[in-house]
Amino acid sequence: MPPEGEHRVEVHIDKLLTARGLTLTELADRVGITLANLSALKNGRVRAVRFSTLTALCDALQCQPGDLFTVRRPSQVQAPT
């Protein structure tokens, strides 16, 4: 298991918000989570995502989980700064 902070999951909430014409605040309200928690998820600072939250995000953004997240290949990981 990689050390904390070296995960390779990229979150694409910003791209989906722009495409849907939504703000982060509007999405937080639709999903039923706090703006702080959604911001942490958007910035990749969470350790886990509940399936209920993932389902609510997909419903609100009319997308699939694969639209929200991708995994970088190990060679694409940048060293921490």
PDB file of N, CA and C in Angstrom:
ATOM      1  N   MET A   1       0.855  -1.174   0.000  1.00  0.00           N
ATOM      2  CA  MET A   1       0.000   0.000   0.000  1.00  0.00           C
ATOM      3  C   MET A   1       0.899   1.235   0.000  1.00  0.00           C
ATOM      4  N   PRO A   2       0.590   2.229  -0.856  1.00  0.00           N
ATOM      5  CA  PRO A   2       1.437   3.412  -0.900  1.00  0.00           C
ATOM      6  C   PRO A   2       1.303   4.243   0.366  1.00  0.00           C
ATOM      7  N   PRO A   3       2.346   4.982   0.705  1.00  0.00           N
ATOM      8  CA  PRO A   3       2.258   5.862   1.878  1.00  0.00           C
ATOM      9  C   PRO A   3       1.165   6.911   1.696  1.00  0.00           C
ATOM     10  N   GLU A   4       0.667   7.437   2.819  1.00  0.00           N
ATOM     11  CA  GLU A   4      -0.356   8.488   2.763  1.00  0.00           C
ATOM     12  C   GLU A   4       0.131   9.628   1.880  1.00  0.00           C
ATOM     13  N   GLY A   5      -0.780  10.199   1.116  1.00  0.00           N
ATOM     14  CA  GLY A   5      -0.450  11.335   0.279  1.00  0.00           C
ATOM     15  C   GLY A   5       0.103  10.975  -1.081  1.00  0.00           C
ATOM     16  N   GLU A   6       0.338   9.690  -1.323  1.00  0.00           N
ATOM     17  CA  GLU A   6       0.890   9.281  -2.602  1.00  0.00           C
ATOM     18  C   GLU A   6      -0.115   8.486  -3.431  1.00  0.00           C
ATOM     19  N   HIS A   7      -1.405   8.696  -3.192  1.00  0.00           N
ATOM     20  CA  HIS A   7      -2.402   7.977  -3.970  1.00  0.00           C
ATOM     21  C   HIS A   7      -2.374   8.480  -5.408  1.00  0.00           C
ATOM     22  N   ARG A   8      -2.900   7.708  -6.321  1.00  0.00           N
ATOM     23  CA  ARG A   8      -2.868   8.046  -7.738  1.00  0.00           C
ATOM     24  C   ARG A   8      -4.250   8.338  -8.305  1.00  0.00           C
ATOM     25  N   VAL A   9      -5.236   8.486  -7.441  1.00  0.00           N
ATOM     26  CA  VAL A   9      -6.591   8.756  -7.903  1.00  0.00           C
ATOM     27  C   VAL A   9      -6.742  10.248  -8.177  1.00  0.00           C
ATOM     28  N   GLU A  10      -7.198  10.564  -9.377  1.00  0.00           N
ATOM     29  CA  GLU A  10      -7.489  11.947  -9.734  1.00  0.00           C
ATOM     30  C   GLU A  10      -8.999  12.145  -9.723  1.00  0.00           C
ATOM     31  N   VAL A  11      -9.440  13.278  -9.201  1.00  0.00           N
ATOM     32  CA  VAL A  11     -10.858  13.592  -9.072  1.00  0.00           C
ATOM     33  C   VAL A  11     -11.205  14.666 -10.107  1.00  0.00           C
ATOM     34  N   HIS A  12     -12.293  14.440 -10.837  1.00  0.00           N
ATOM     35  CA  HIS A  12     -12.664  15.329 -11.943  1.00  0.00           C
ATOM     36  C   HIS A  12     -13.949  16.114 -11.682  1.00  0.00           C
ATOM     37  N   ILE A  13     -14.196  16.449 -10.431  1.00  0.00           N
ATOM     38  CA  ILE A  13     -15.419  17.175 -10.091  1.00  0.00           C
ATOM     39  C   ILE A  13     -15.443  18.550 -10.767  1.00  0.00           C
ATOM     40  N   ASP A  14     -14.319  19.259 -10.784  1.00  0.00           N
ATOM     41  CA  ASP A  14     -14.288  20.590 -11.411  1.00  0.00           C
ATOM     42  C   ASP A  14     -14.736  20.536 -12.864  1.00  0.00           C
ATOM     43  N   LYS A  15     -14.213  19.560 -13.593  1.00  0.00           N
ATOM     44  CA  LYS A  15     -14.559  19.431 -15.010  1.00  0.00           C
ATOM     45  C   LYS A  15     -16.050  19.168 -15.182  1.00  0.00           C
ATOM     46  N   LEU A  16     -16.611  18.308 -14.343  1.00  0.00           N
ATOM     47  CA  LEU A  16     -18.031  17.993 -14.434  1.00  0.00           C
ATOM     48  C   LEU A  16     -18.903  19.169 -14.010  1.00  0.00           C
ATOM     49  N   LEU A  17     -18.467  19.914 -12.997  1.00  0.00           N
ATOM     50  CA  LEU A  17     -19.217  21.099 -12.577  1.00  0.00           C
ATOM     51  C   LEU A  17     -19.286  22.116 -13.710  1.00  0.00           C
ATOM     52  N   THR A  18     -18.169  22.344 -14.356  1.00  0.00           N
ATOM     53  CA  THR A  18     -18.127  23.293 -15.471  1.00  0.00           C
ATOM     54  C   THR A  18     -19.045  22.837 -16.600  1.00  0.00           C
ATOM     55  N   ALA A  19     -18.969  21.565 -16.934  1.00  0.00           N
ATOM     56  CA  ALA A  19     -19.794  21.029 -18.020  1.00  0.00           C
ATOM     57  C   ALA A  19     -21.279  21.106 -17.692  1.00  0.00           C
ATOM     58  N   ARG A  20     -21.625  21.018 -16.410  1.00  0.00           N
ATOM     59  CA  ARG A  20     -23.037  21.022 -16.001  1.00  0.00           C
ATOM     60  C   ARG A  20     -23.523  22.416 -15.604  1.00  0.00           C
ATOM     61  N   GLY A  21     -22.609  23.383 -15.553  1.00  0.00           N
ATOM     62  CA  GLY A  21     -22.989  24.741 -15.156  1.00  0.00           C
ATOM     63  C   GLY A  21     -23.383  24.851 -13.702  1.00  0.00           C
ATOM     64  N   LEU A  22     -22.736  24.065 -12.848  1.00  0.00           N
ATOM     65  CA  LEU A  22     -23.044  24.065 -11.415  1.00  0.00           C
ATOM     66  C   LEU A  22     -21.876  24.636 -10.620  1.00  0.00           C
ATOM     67  N   THR A  23     -22.181  25.130  -9.432  1.00  0.00           N
ATOM     68  CA  THR A  23     -21.136  25.534  -8.501  1.00  0.00           C
ATOM     69  C   THR A  23     -20.917  24.406  -7.495  1.00  0.00           C
ATOM     70  N   LEU A  24     -19.819  24.485  -6.783  1.00  0.00           N
ATOM     71  CA  LEU A  24     -19.527  23.497  -5.751  1.00  0.00           C
ATOM     72  C   LEU A  24     -20.592  23.555  -4.656  1.00  0.00           C
ATOM     73  N   THR A  25     -21.049  24.753  -4.333  1.00  0.00           N
ATOM     74  CA  THR A  25     -22.092  24.915  -3.317  1.00  0.00           C
ATOM     75  C   THR A  25     -23.394  24.259  -3.755  1.00  0.00           C
ATOM     76  N   GLU A  26     -23.779  24.460  -5.012  1.00  0.00           N
ATOM     77  CA  GLU A  26     -24.998  23.822  -5.518  1.00  0.00           C
ATOM     78  C   GLU A  26     -24.886  22.307  -5.471  1.00  0.00           C
ATOM     79  N   LEU A  27     -23.721  21.786  -5.859  1.00  0.00           N
ATOM     80  CA  LEU A  27     -23.528  20.334  -5.835  1.00  0.00           C
ATOM     81  C   LEU A  27     -23.585  19.809  -4.408  1.00  0.00           C
ATOM     82  N   ALA A  28     -22.958  20.498  -3.476  1.00  0.00           N
ATOM     83  CA  ALA A  28     -22.995  20.062  -2.073  1.00  0.00           C
ATOM     84  C   ALA A  28     -24.432  19.986  -1.574  1.00  0.00           C
ATOM     85  N   ASP A  29     -25.245  20.986  -1.928  1.00  0.00           N
ATOM     86  CA  ASP A  29     -26.651  20.983  -1.520  1.00  0.00           C
ATOM     87  C   ASP A  29     -27.404  19.813  -2.143  1.00  0.00           C
ATOM     88  N   ARG A  30     -27.168  19.548  -3.415  1.00  0.00           N
ATOM     89  CA  ARG A  30     -27.866  18.450  -4.101  1.00  0.00           C
ATOM     90  C   ARG A  30     -27.456  17.089  -3.563  1.00  0.00           C
ATOM     91  N   VAL A  31     -26.200  16.957  -3.191  1.00  0.00           N
ATOM     92  CA  VAL A  31     -25.678  15.665  -2.718  1.00  0.00           C
ATOM     93  C   VAL A  31     -25.993  15.463  -1.239  1.00  0.00           C
ATOM     94  N   GLY A  32     -26.110  16.558  -0.503  1.00  0.00           N
ATOM     95  CA  GLY A  32     -26.403  16.449   0.924  1.00  0.00           C
ATOM     96  C   GLY A  32     -25.168  16.274   1.774  1.00  0.00           C
ATOM     97  N   ILE A  33     -24.050  16.858   1.340  1.00  0.00           N
ATOM     98  CA  ILE A  33     -22.836  16.851   2.154  1.00  0.00           C
ATOM     99  C   ILE A  33     -22.374  18.294   2.323  1.00  0.00           C
ATOM    100  N   THR A  34     -21.508  18.509   3.297  1.00  0.00           N
ATOM    101  CA  THR A  34     -21.047  19.868   3.545  1.00  0.00           C
ATOM    102  C   THR A  34     -20.126  20.327   2.421  1.00  0.00           C
ATOM    103  N   LEU A  35     -20.067  21.627   2.260  1.00  0.00           N
ATOM    104  CA  LEU A  35     -19.167  22.216   1.271  1.00  0.00           C
ATOM    105  C   LEU A  35     -17.726  21.856   1.598  1.00  0.00           C
ATOM    106  N   ALA A  36     -17.379  21.842   2.880  1.00  0.00           N
ATOM    107  CA  ALA A  36     -16.017  21.488   3.294  1.00  0.00           C
ATOM    108  C   ALA A  36     -15.669  20.054   2.886  1.00  0.00           C
ATOM    109  N   ASN A  37     -16.601  19.113   3.094  1.00  0.00           N
ATOM    110  CA  ASN A  37     -16.335  17.720   2.723  1.00  0.00           C
ATOM    111  C   ASN A  37     -16.246  17.550   1.212  1.00  0.00           C
ATOM    112  N   LEU A  38     -17.110  18.244   0.473  1.00  0.00           N
ATOM    113  CA  LEU A  38     -17.056  18.150  -0.986  1.00  0.00           C
ATOM    114  C   LEU A  38     -15.765  18.772  -1.516  1.00  0.00           C
ATOM    115  N   SER A  39     -15.346  19.868  -0.919  1.00  0.00           N
ATOM    116  CA  SER A  39     -14.090  20.504  -1.318  1.00  0.00           C
ATOM    117  C   SER A  39     -12.906  19.576  -1.065  1.00  0.00           C
ATOM    118  N   ALA A  40     -12.910  18.902   0.070  1.00  0.00           N
ATOM    119  CA  ALA A  40     -11.836  17.951   0.376  1.00  0.00           C
ATOM    120  C   ALA A  40     -11.819  16.813  -0.640  1.00  0.00           C
ATOM    121  N   LEU A  41     -12.981  16.325  -1.012  1.00  0.00           N
ATOM    122  CA  LEU A  41     -13.064  15.270  -2.024  1.00  0.00           C
ATOM    123  C   LEU A  41     -12.553  15.789  -3.365  1.00  0.00           C
ATOM    124  N   LYS A  42     -12.997  16.964  -3.760  1.00  0.00           N
ATOM    125  CA  LYS A  42     -12.605  17.567  -5.038  1.00  0.00           C
ATOM    126  C   LYS A  42     -11.092  17.719  -5.133  1.00  0.00           C
ATOM    127  N   ASN A  43     -10.464  18.027  -4.010  1.00  0.00           N
ATOM    128  CA  ASN A  43      -9.018  18.255  -3.996  1.00  0.00           C
ATOM    129  C   ASN A  43      -8.206  17.002  -3.663  1.00  0.00           C
ATOM    130  N   GLY A  44      -8.885  15.849  -3.592  1.00  0.00           N
ATOM    131  CA  GLY A  44      -8.181  14.588  -3.356  1.00  0.00           C
ATOM    132  C   GLY A  44      -7.637  14.432  -1.956  1.00  0.00           C
ATOM    133  N   ARG A  45      -8.250  15.092  -0.985  1.00  0.00           N
ATOM    134  CA  ARG A  45      -7.761  15.036   0.388  1.00  0.00           C
ATOM    135  C   ARG A  45      -8.585  14.114   1.283  1.00  0.00           C
ATOM    136  N   VAL A  46      -9.332  13.210   0.703  1.00  0.00           N
ATOM    137  CA  VAL A  46     -10.107  12.256   1.500  1.00  0.00           C
ATOM    138  C   VAL A  46      -9.479  10.876   1.386  1.00  0.00           C
ATOM    139  N   ARG A  47      -9.742  10.052   2.375  1.00  0.00           N
ATOM    140  CA  ARG A  47      -9.196   8.697   2.370  1.00  0.00           C
ATOM    141  C   ARG A  47     -10.180   7.677   1.832  1.00  0.00           C
ATOM    142  N   ALA A  48     -11.460   8.037   1.815  1.00  0.00           N
ATOM    143  CA  ALA A  48     -12.487   7.105   1.365  1.00  0.00           C
ATOM    144  C   ALA A  48     -13.722   7.895   0.931  1.00  0.00           C
ATOM    145  N   VAL A  49     -14.536   7.232   0.119  1.00  0.00           N
ATOM    146  CA  VAL A  49     -15.809   7.810  -0.317  1.00  0.00           C
ATOM    147  C   VAL A  49     -16.879   6.753  -0.097  1.00  0.00           C
ATOM    148  N   ARG A  50     -17.936   7.111   0.595  1.00  0.00           N
ATOM    149  CA  ARG A  50     -19.046   6.176   0.812  1.00  0.00           C
ATOM    150  C   ARG A  50     -19.775   5.929  -0.504  1.00  0.00           C
ATOM    151  N   PHE A  51     -20.273   4.719  -0.677  1.00  0.00           N
ATOM    152  CA  PHE A  51     -21.044   4.416  -1.880  1.00  0.00           C
ATOM    153  C   PHE A  51     -22.272   5.311  -1.966  1.00  0.00           C
ATOM    154  N   SER A  52     -22.875   5.644  -0.843  1.00  0.00           N
ATOM    155  CA  SER A  52     -24.050   6.519  -0.871  1.00  0.00           C
ATOM    156  C   SER A  52     -23.684   7.912  -1.384  1.00  0.00           C
ATOM    157  N   THR A  53     -22.516   8.407  -1.006  1.00  0.00           N
ATOM    158  CA  THR A  53     -22.053   9.704  -1.501  1.00  0.00           C
ATOM    159  C   THR A  53     -21.724   9.616  -2.979  1.00  0.00           C
ATOM    160  N   LEU A  54     -21.064   8.553  -3.377  1.00  0.00           N
ATOM    161  CA  LEU A  54     -20.724   8.358  -4.787  1.00  0.00           C
ATOM    162  C   LEU A  54     -21.987   8.282  -5.638  1.00  0.00           C
ATOM    163  N   THR A  55     -22.983   7.558  -5.169  1.00  0.00           N
ATOM    164  CA  THR A  55     -24.251   7.452  -5.887  1.00  0.00           C
ATOM    165  C   THR A  55     -24.927   8.810  -5.999  1.00  0.00           C
ATOM    166  N   ALA A  56     -24.937   9.568  -4.908  1.00  0.00           N
ATOM    167  CA  ALA A  56     -25.557  10.895  -4.920  1.00  0.00           C
ATOM    168  C   ALA A  56     -24.811  11.838  -5.866  1.00  0.00           C
ATOM    169  N   LEU A  57     -23.484  11.762  -5.898  1.00  0.00           N
ATOM    170  CA  LEU A  57     -22.706  12.576  -6.832  1.00  0.00           C
ATOM    171  C   LEU A  57     -23.044  12.216  -8.280  1.00  0.00           C
ATOM    172  N   CYS A  58     -23.100  10.927  -8.562  1.00  0.00           N
ATOM    173  CA  CYS A  58     -23.418  10.486  -9.920  1.00  0.00           C
ATOM    174  C   CYS A  58     -24.828  10.902 -10.318  1.00  0.00           C
ATOM    175  N   ASP A  59     -25.766  10.821  -9.400  1.00  0.00           N
ATOM    176  CA  ASP A  59     -27.134  11.255  -9.688  1.00  0.00           C
ATOM    177  C   ASP A  59     -27.173  12.755  -9.973  1.00  0.00           C
ATOM    178  N   ALA A  60     -26.520  13.547  -9.130  1.00  0.00           N
ATOM    179  CA  ALA A  60     -26.549  15.002  -9.275  1.00  0.00           C
ATOM    180  C   ALA A  60     -25.824  15.475 -10.532  1.00  0.00           C
ATOM    181  N   LEU A  61     -24.744  14.777 -10.891  1.00  0.00           N
ATOM    182  CA  LEU A  61     -23.952  15.176 -12.053  1.00  0.00           C
ATOM    183  C   LEU A  61     -24.316  14.402 -13.317  1.00  0.00           C
ATOM    184  N   GLN A  62     -25.261  13.480 -13.180  1.00  0.00           N
ATOM    185  CA  GLN A  62     -25.682  12.644 -14.309  1.00  0.00           C
ATOM    186  C   GLN A  62     -24.462  12.013 -14.997  1.00  0.00           C
ATOM    187  N   CYS A  63     -23.708  11.265 -14.185  1.00  0.00           N
ATOM    188  CA  CYS A  63     -22.489  10.650 -14.700  1.00  0.00           C
ATOM    189  C   CYS A  63     -22.309   9.270 -14.080  1.00  0.00           C
ATOM    190  N   GLN A  64     -21.245   8.623 -14.452  1.00  0.00           N
ATOM    191  CA  GLN A  64     -20.848   7.331 -13.903  1.00  0.00           C
ATOM    192  C   GLN A  64     -19.620   7.536 -13.013  1.00  0.00           C
ATOM    193  N   PRO A  65     -19.350   6.624 -12.077  1.00  0.00           N
ATOM    194  CA  PRO A  65     -18.182   6.782 -11.212  1.00  0.00           C
ATOM    195  C   PRO A  65     -16.872   6.983 -11.988  1.00  0.00           C
ATOM    196  N   GLY A  66     -16.749   6.337 -13.119  1.00  0.00           N
ATOM    197  CA  GLY A  66     -15.541   6.498 -13.930  1.00  0.00           C
ATOM    198  C   GLY A  66     -15.379   7.885 -14.518  1.00  0.00           C
ATOM    199  N   ASP A  67     -16.470   8.655 -14.556  1.00  0.00           N
ATOM    200  CA  ASP A  67     -16.379  10.047 -15.005  1.00  0.00           C
ATOM    201  C   ASP A  67     -15.817  10.943 -13.895  1.00  0.00           C
ATOM    202  N   LEU A  68     -16.000  10.522 -12.657  1.00  0.00           N
ATOM    203  CA  LEU A  68     -15.542  11.299 -11.505  1.00  0.00           C
ATOM    204  C   LEU A  68     -14.086  11.044 -11.153  1.00  0.00           C
ATOM    205  N   PHE A  69     -13.619   9.806 -11.378  1.00  0.00           N
ATOM    206  CA  PHE A  69     -12.285   9.416 -10.932  1.00  0.00           C
ATOM    207  C   PHE A  69     -11.523   8.696 -12.027  1.00  0.00           C
ATOM    208  N   THR A  70     -10.217   8.919 -12.060  1.00  0.00           N
ATOM    209  CA  THR A  70      -9.305   8.092 -12.854  1.00  0.00           C
ATOM    210  C   THR A  70      -8.101   7.779 -11.980  1.00  0.00           C
ATOM    211  N   VAL A  71      -7.358   6.763 -12.369  1.00  0.00           N
ATOM    212  CA  VAL A  71      -6.151   6.383 -11.650  1.00  0.00           C
ATOM    213  C   VAL A  71      -4.961   6.576 -12.580  1.00  0.00           C
ATOM    214  N   ARG A  72      -4.005   7.386 -12.138  1.00  0.00           N
ATOM    215  CA  ARG A  72      -2.781   7.589 -12.914  1.00  0.00           C
ATOM    216  C   ARG A  72      -1.929   6.338 -12.860  1.00  0.00           C
ATOM    217  N   ARG A  73      -1.233   6.077 -13.919  1.00  0.00           N
ATOM    218  CA  ARG A  73      -0.259   4.990 -13.921  1.00  0.00           C
ATOM    219  C   ARG A  73       0.917   5.381 -13.026  1.00  0.00           C
ATOM    220  N   PRO A  74       1.629   4.411 -12.459  1.00  0.00           N
ATOM    221  CA  PRO A  74       2.750   4.752 -11.554  1.00  0.00           C
ATOM    222  C   PRO A  74       3.772   5.696 -12.185  1.00  0.00           C
ATOM    223  N   SER A  75       4.021   5.582 -13.470  1.00  0.00           N
ATOM    224  CA  SER A  75       5.004   6.450 -14.120  1.00  0.00           C
ATOM    225  C   SER A  75       4.524   7.886 -14.229  1.00  0.00           C
ATOM    226  N   GLN A  76       3.224   8.119 -14.023  1.00  0.00           N
ATOM    227  CA  GLN A  76       2.660   9.457 -14.133  1.00  0.00           C
ATOM    228  C   GLN A  76       2.602  10.168 -12.787  1.00  0.00           C
ATOM    229  N   VAL A  77       2.999   9.495 -11.726  1.00  0.00           N
ATOM    230  CA  VAL A  77       2.930  10.079 -10.384  1.00  0.00           C
ATOM    231  C   VAL A  77       4.080  11.065 -10.238  1.00  0.00           C
ATOM    232  N   GLN A  78       3.747  12.266  -9.777  1.00  0.00           N
ATOM    233  CA  GLN A  78       4.767  13.266  -9.561  1.00  0.00           C
ATOM    234  C   GLN A  78       5.242  13.189  -8.115  1.00  0.00           C
ATOM    235  N   ALA A  79       6.508  13.488  -7.924  1.00  0.00           N
ATOM    236  CA  ALA A  79       7.071  13.468  -6.567  1.00  0.00           C
ATOM    237  C   ALA A  79       6.435  14.581  -5.746  1.00  0.00           C
ATOM    238  N   PRO A  80       6.175  14.313  -4.460  1.00  0.00           N
ATOM    239  CA  PRO A  80       5.598  15.357  -3.595  1.00  0.00           C
ATOM    240  C   PRO A  80       6.521  16.557  -3.525  1.00  0.00           C
ATOM    241  N   THR A  81       5.899  17.741  -3.415  1.00  0.00           N
ATOM    242  CA  THR A  81       6.709  18.966  -3.330  1.00  0.00           C
ATOM    243  C   THR A  81       6.739  19.507  -1.931  1.00  0.00           C
TER     244      THR A  81
END
